[in-house]
C-alpha cells in the first residue's frame, strides 16, 4: 500500500488502473483497503498528499528439513525398456 500511495499522489493513473495494478478487483475494494491501511480515502490522499502510514517490506524465510535420512542406490536403466527390477 505504500507504493500504491506514491502512485496515487503522482496522479498519472485513475483509481481503477491503480486498483488492478495492485491486485484488487474494483476501485471500491482498493479504496476500502487503502483507507484501512492509511486512515484516509484515496480521494483525500490525492487531494491533500498525505500523511500516510508506511509499512516495512515483508521478508519470508522458508526452511525445509527431512524427517529421516533415506538410503538410495543409483542404477543405470536399460536403454530401450523399463527399469530393471531388484
Protein backbone atom coordinates (compact mmCIF):
# COMPACT_ATOMS: atom_id res chain seq x y z
CA UNK A 1 0.00 0.00 0.00
CA UNK A 2 2.95 2.33 0.43
CA UNK A 3 3.82 2.01 -3.26
CA UNK A 4 0.14 2.45 -4.14
CA UNK A 5 0.06 5.68 -2.13
CA UNK A 6 3.06 7.03 -4.03
CA UNK A 7 1.42 6.18 -7.36
CA UNK A 8 -1.85 7.74 -6.22
CA UNK A 9 -0.23 11.03 -5.25
CA UNK A 10 1.68 11.12 -8.55
CA UNK A 11 -1.77 11.23 -10.17
CA UNK A 12 -0.85 9.73 -13.53
CA UNK A 13 -3.40 6.87 -13.40
CA UNK A 14 -7.06 6.69 -12.43
CA UNK A 15 -8.18 4.77 -9.36
CA UNK A 16 -9.33 1.66 -11.24
CA UNK A 17 -5.98 1.34 -13.01
CA UNK A 18 -4.18 1.55 -9.66
CA UNK A 19 -6.59 -0.95 -8.11
CA UNK A 20 -5.93 -3.50 -10.85
CA UNK A 21 -2.16 -2.90 -10.75
CA UNK A 22 -2.10 -3.70 -7.03
CA UNK A 23 -4.29 -6.80 -7.28
CA UNK A 24 -7.79 -5.52 -6.48
CA UNK A 25 -10.87 -6.39 -8.50
CA UNK A 26 -12.53 -2.99 -8.15
CA UNK A 27 -11.81 0.60 -7.23
CA UNK A 28 -14.16 0.23 -4.24
CA UNK A 29 -12.21 -2.73 -2.81
CA UNK A 30 -8.95 -0.85 -3.30
CA UNK A 31 -10.43 2.23 -1.62
CA UNK A 32 -11.55 0.24 1.43
CA UNK A 33 -8.14 -1.40 1.79
CA UNK A 34 -6.36 1.91 1.25
CA UNK A 35 -8.43 3.63 3.92
CA UNK A 36 -7.91 0.72 6.32
CA UNK A 37 -4.14 0.97 5.97
CA UNK A 38 -3.60 4.73 5.63
CA UNK A 39 -6.56 6.15 7.54
CA UNK A 40 -7.80 8.31 4.65
CA UNK A 41 -9.57 7.68 1.37
CA UNK A 42 -7.73 7.64 -1.96
CA UNK A 43 -9.50 10.89 -2.90
CA UNK A 44 -8.30 12.62 0.27
CA UNK A 45 -4.80 11.27 -0.32
CA UNK A 46 -4.70 12.53 -3.90
CA UNK A 47 -6.08 15.94 -2.90
CA UNK A 48 -4.07 16.50 0.31
CA UNK A 49 -0.96 14.42 -0.39
CA UNK A 50 -0.93 12.51 2.91
CA UNK A 51 0.14 11.87 5.62
CA UNK A 52 0.47 8.13 5.02
CA UNK A 53 1.33 5.19 7.22
CA UNK A 54 4.17 3.21 5.74
CA UNK A 55 4.86 -0.49 6.16
CA UNK A 56 8.26 -2.13 6.13
CA UNK A 57 8.95 -4.62 3.34
CA UNK A 58 7.97 -8.14 4.35
CA UNK A 59 10.51 -10.93 4.07
CA UNK A 60 9.81 -14.62 4.34
CA UNK A 61 12.29 -17.34 5.15
CA UNK A 62 11.44 -20.97 4.45
CA UNK A 63 13.39 -23.91 5.82
CA UNK A 64 12.68 -27.40 4.60
CA UNK A 65 14.06 -30.29 6.59
CA UNK A 66 13.69 -34.01 6.12
CA UNK A 67 12.32 -36.13 8.94
CA UNK A 68 14.62 -39.11 8.31
CA UNK A 69 17.58 -39.86 6.08
CA UNK A 70 16.97 -42.04 3.04
CA UNK A 71 19.31 -44.69 1.70
CA UNK A 72 19.28 -44.74 -2.10
CA UNK A 73 21.05 -46.68 -4.84
CA UNK A 74 21.52 -45.23 -8.31
CA UNK A 75 21.34 -47.77 -11.13
CA UNK A 76 21.52 -47.39 -14.89
CA UNK A 77 18.27 -48.02 -16.77
CA UNK A 78 18.09 -50.37 -19.73
CA UNK A 79 18.43 -48.44 -23.00
CA UNK A 80 15.06 -49.40 -24.54
CA UNK A 81 12.95 -50.95 -21.82
CA UNK A 82 11.58 -50.44 -18.36
CA UNK A 83 13.98 -50.07 -15.42
CA UNK A 84 15.49 -53.28 -14.09
CA UNK A 85 13.81 -54.71 -11.00
CA UNK A 86 15.86 -55.67 -7.97
